[in-house]
Amino acid sequence: MIVASNINKSFGEHRVLEDISLVFERGKTNLIIGASGSGKTVLMKCLVRLVKPDSGTVEYDGRPFSEMSREEVKEIRREIGMLFQGSALFDSM
């Protein structure tokens, strides 16, 4: 289970995510849908720690994902599947 609580993320003056909370339950298919520019990709990147949220927490199976070491994060990422539209992932590289 992935639990995100009160996630906030801004880039300069542009607030992308404001107080987002959600629960993804194990064994269920979860979708994030919305208009272009609404923050879907930024939210996904915060959930897998490709981007660090300005505030809020992410837990993976009750463990504080946002506080894990780089090696622990790599292990968790092996258990997570996600699909980005087109090449949206590559702006993080």
C-alpha atoms as a PDB file:
ATOM      1  CA  MET A   1       0.000   0.000   0.000  1.00  0.00           C
ATOM      2  CA  ILE A   2       1.199   3.499  -0.815  1.00  0.00           C
ATOM      3  CA  VAL A   3      -0.118   6.334   1.331  1.00  0.00           C
ATOM      4  CA  ALA A   4       0.631   9.960   0.522  1.00  0.00           C
ATOM      5  CA  SER A   5      -0.383  12.645   3.001  1.00  0.00           C
ATOM      6  CA  ASN A   6      -0.497  16.392   2.441  1.00  0.00           C
ATOM      7  CA  ILE A   7       1.918  16.473  -0.516  1.00  0.00           C
ATOM      8  CA  ASN A   8       2.911  19.965  -1.673  1.00  0.00           C
ATOM      9  CA  LYS A   9       5.271  20.844  -4.512  1.00  0.00           C
ATOM     10  CA  SER A  10       6.141  24.161  -6.127  1.00  0.00           C
ATOM     11  CA  PHE A  11       8.638  25.183  -8.765  1.00  0.00           C
ATOM     12  CA  GLY A  12       9.538  28.767  -7.993  1.00  0.00           C
ATOM     13  CA  GLU A  13       6.290  30.709  -7.687  1.00  0.00           C
ATOM     14  CA  HIS A  14       4.302  28.025  -9.546  1.00  0.00           C
ATOM     15  CA  ARG A  15       2.457  25.746  -7.108  1.00  0.00           C
ATOM     16  CA  VAL A  16       1.893  22.396  -8.811  1.00  0.00           C
ATOM     17  CA  LEU A  17       0.580  20.220  -5.951  1.00  0.00           C
ATOM     18  CA  GLU A  18      -1.332  21.551  -2.976  1.00  0.00           C
ATOM     19  CA  ASP A  19      -2.220  19.331  -0.004  1.00  0.00           C
ATOM     20  CA  ILE A  20      -2.657  16.089  -1.988  1.00  0.00           C
ATOM     21  CA  SER A  21      -3.476  12.942  -0.010  1.00  0.00           C
ATOM     22  CA  LEU A  22      -4.222   9.496  -1.457  1.00  0.00           C
ATOM     23  CA  VAL A  23      -4.090   5.771  -0.826  1.00  0.00           C
ATOM     24  CA  PHE A  24      -3.106   3.135  -3.390  1.00  0.00           C
ATOM     25  CA  GLU A  25      -4.145  -0.290  -2.119  1.00  0.00           C
ATOM     26  CA  ARG A  26      -2.151  -3.415  -2.936  1.00  0.00           C
ATOM     27  CA  GLY A  27      -3.663  -5.519  -5.708  1.00  0.00           C
ATOM     28  CA  LYS A  28      -5.792  -2.736  -7.162  1.00  0.00           C
ATOM     29  CA  THR A  29      -5.219  -0.843 -10.376  1.00  0.00           C
ATOM     30  CA  ASN A  30      -4.857   2.855  -9.697  1.00  0.00           C
ATOM     31  CA  LEU A  31      -5.044   5.689 -12.202  1.00  0.00           C
ATOM     32  CA  ILE A  32      -4.183   9.358 -11.969  1.00  0.00           C
ATOM     33  CA  ILE A  33      -6.091  11.307 -14.595  1.00  0.00           C
ATOM     34  CA  GLY A  34      -6.537  14.996 -15.204  1.00  0.00           C
ATOM     35  CA  ALA A  35      -6.046  17.858 -17.598  1.00  0.00           C
ATOM     36  CA  SER A  36      -2.708  18.675 -19.148  1.00  0.00           C
ATOM     37  CA  GLY A  37      -0.553  20.588 -16.666  1.00  0.00           C
ATOM     38  CA  SER A  38      -2.581  19.560 -13.619  1.00  0.00           C
ATOM     39  CA  GLY A  39       0.384  17.916 -11.845  1.00  0.00           C
ATOM     40  CA  LYS A  40      -0.120  14.222 -12.563  1.00  0.00           C
ATOM     41  CA  THR A  41       3.481  13.535 -13.553  1.00  0.00           C
ATOM     42  CA  VAL A  42       4.871  15.643 -10.710  1.00  0.00           C
ATOM     43  CA  LEU A  43       2.688  13.680  -8.266  1.00  0.00           C
ATOM     44  CA  MET A  44       3.940  10.339  -9.636  1.00  0.00           C
ATOM     45  CA  LYS A  45       7.535  11.527  -9.413  1.00  0.00           C
ATOM     46  CA  CYS A  46       6.983  12.594  -5.806  1.00  0.00           C
ATOM     47  CA  LEU A  47       5.480   9.175  -4.993  1.00  0.00           C
ATOM     48  CA  VAL A  48       8.590   7.347  -6.224  1.00  0.00           C
ATOM     49  CA  ARG A  49      10.987  10.057  -5.032  1.00  0.00           C
ATOM     50  CA  LEU A  50      12.267  11.143  -8.419  1.00  0.00           C
ATOM     51  CA  VAL A  51      11.226  14.602  -7.191  1.00  0.00           C
ATOM     52  CA  LYS A  52      11.236  15.540  -3.508  1.00  0.00           C
ATOM     53  CA  PRO A  53       7.977  17.092  -2.265  1.00  0.00           C
ATOM     54  CA  ASP A  54       8.277  20.449  -0.500  1.00  0.00           C
ATOM     55  CA  SER A  55       6.211  18.997   2.336  1.00  0.00           C
ATOM     56  CA  GLY A  56       4.094  15.960   3.135  1.00  0.00           C
ATOM     57  CA  THR A  57       4.876  12.290   3.560  1.00  0.00           C
ATOM     58  CA  VAL A  58       4.856   9.123   1.462  1.00  0.00           C
ATOM     59  CA  GLU A  59       4.662   5.688   3.077  1.00  0.00           C
ATOM     60  CA  TYR A  60       5.149   2.363   1.351  1.00  0.00           C
ATOM     61  CA  ASP A  61       3.654  -0.566   3.298  1.00  0.00           C
ATOM     62  CA  GLY A  62       3.828   1.526   6.470  1.00  0.00           C
ATOM     63  CA  ARG A  63       7.474   2.475   5.957  1.00  0.00           C
ATOM     64  CA  PRO A  64       8.388   6.166   5.584  1.00  0.00           C
ATOM     65  CA  PHE A  65       9.452   6.174   1.916  1.00  0.00           C
ATOM     66  CA  SER A  66      10.284   9.859   2.045  1.00  0.00           C
ATOM     67  CA  GLU A  67      12.909   9.204   4.757  1.00  0.00           C
ATOM     68  CA  MET A  68      14.580   6.090   3.313  1.00  0.00           C
ATOM     69  CA  SER A  69      18.177   5.912   2.112  1.00  0.00           C
ATOM     70  CA  ARG A  70      18.961   5.821  -1.596  1.00  0.00           C
ATOM     71  CA  GLU A  71      19.556   2.045  -1.428  1.00  0.00           C
ATOM     72  CA  GLU A  72      16.250   1.415   0.372  1.00  0.00           C
ATOM     73  CA  VAL A  73      14.449   3.507  -2.239  1.00  0.00           C
ATOM     74  CA  LYS A  74      15.992   1.415  -5.031  1.00  0.00           C
ATOM     75  CA  GLU A  75      14.674  -1.757  -3.410  1.00  0.00           C
ATOM     76  CA  ILE A  76      11.155  -0.334  -3.086  1.00  0.00           C
ATOM     77  CA  ARG A  77      11.150   0.899  -6.692  1.00  0.00           C
ATOM     78  CA  ARG A  78      11.634  -2.702  -7.844  1.00  0.00           C
ATOM     79  CA  GLU A  79       8.164  -3.430  -6.446  1.00  0.00           C
ATOM     80  CA  ILE A  80       6.421  -0.449  -8.061  1.00  0.00           C
ATOM     81  CA  GLY A  81       5.140  -0.346 -11.624  1.00  0.00           C
ATOM     82  CA  MET A  82       4.200   2.883 -13.359  1.00  0.00           C
ATOM     83  CA  LEU A  83       3.665   4.061 -16.882  1.00  0.00           C
ATOM     84  CA  PHE A  84       4.352   7.607 -18.048  1.00  0.00           C
ATOM     85  CA  GLN A  85       2.802   8.997 -21.199  1.00  0.00           C
ATOM     86  CA  GLY A  86       5.326   9.357 -24.011  1.00  0.00           C
ATOM     87  CA  SER A  87       8.747  10.454 -22.813  1.00  0.00           C
ATOM     88  CA  ALA A  88       7.570  12.395 -19.747  1.00  0.00           C
ATOM     89  CA  LEU A  89       9.947  10.463 -17.486  1.00  0.00           C
ATOM     90  CA  PHE A  90      13.069  11.655 -19.253  1.00  0.00           C
ATOM     91  CA  ASP A  91      12.941  15.292 -18.120  1.00  0.00           C
ATOM     92  CA  SER A  92      14.186  13.981 -14.752  1.00  0.00           C
ATOM     93  CA  MET A  93      17.411  12.597 -16.180  1.00  0.00           C
END
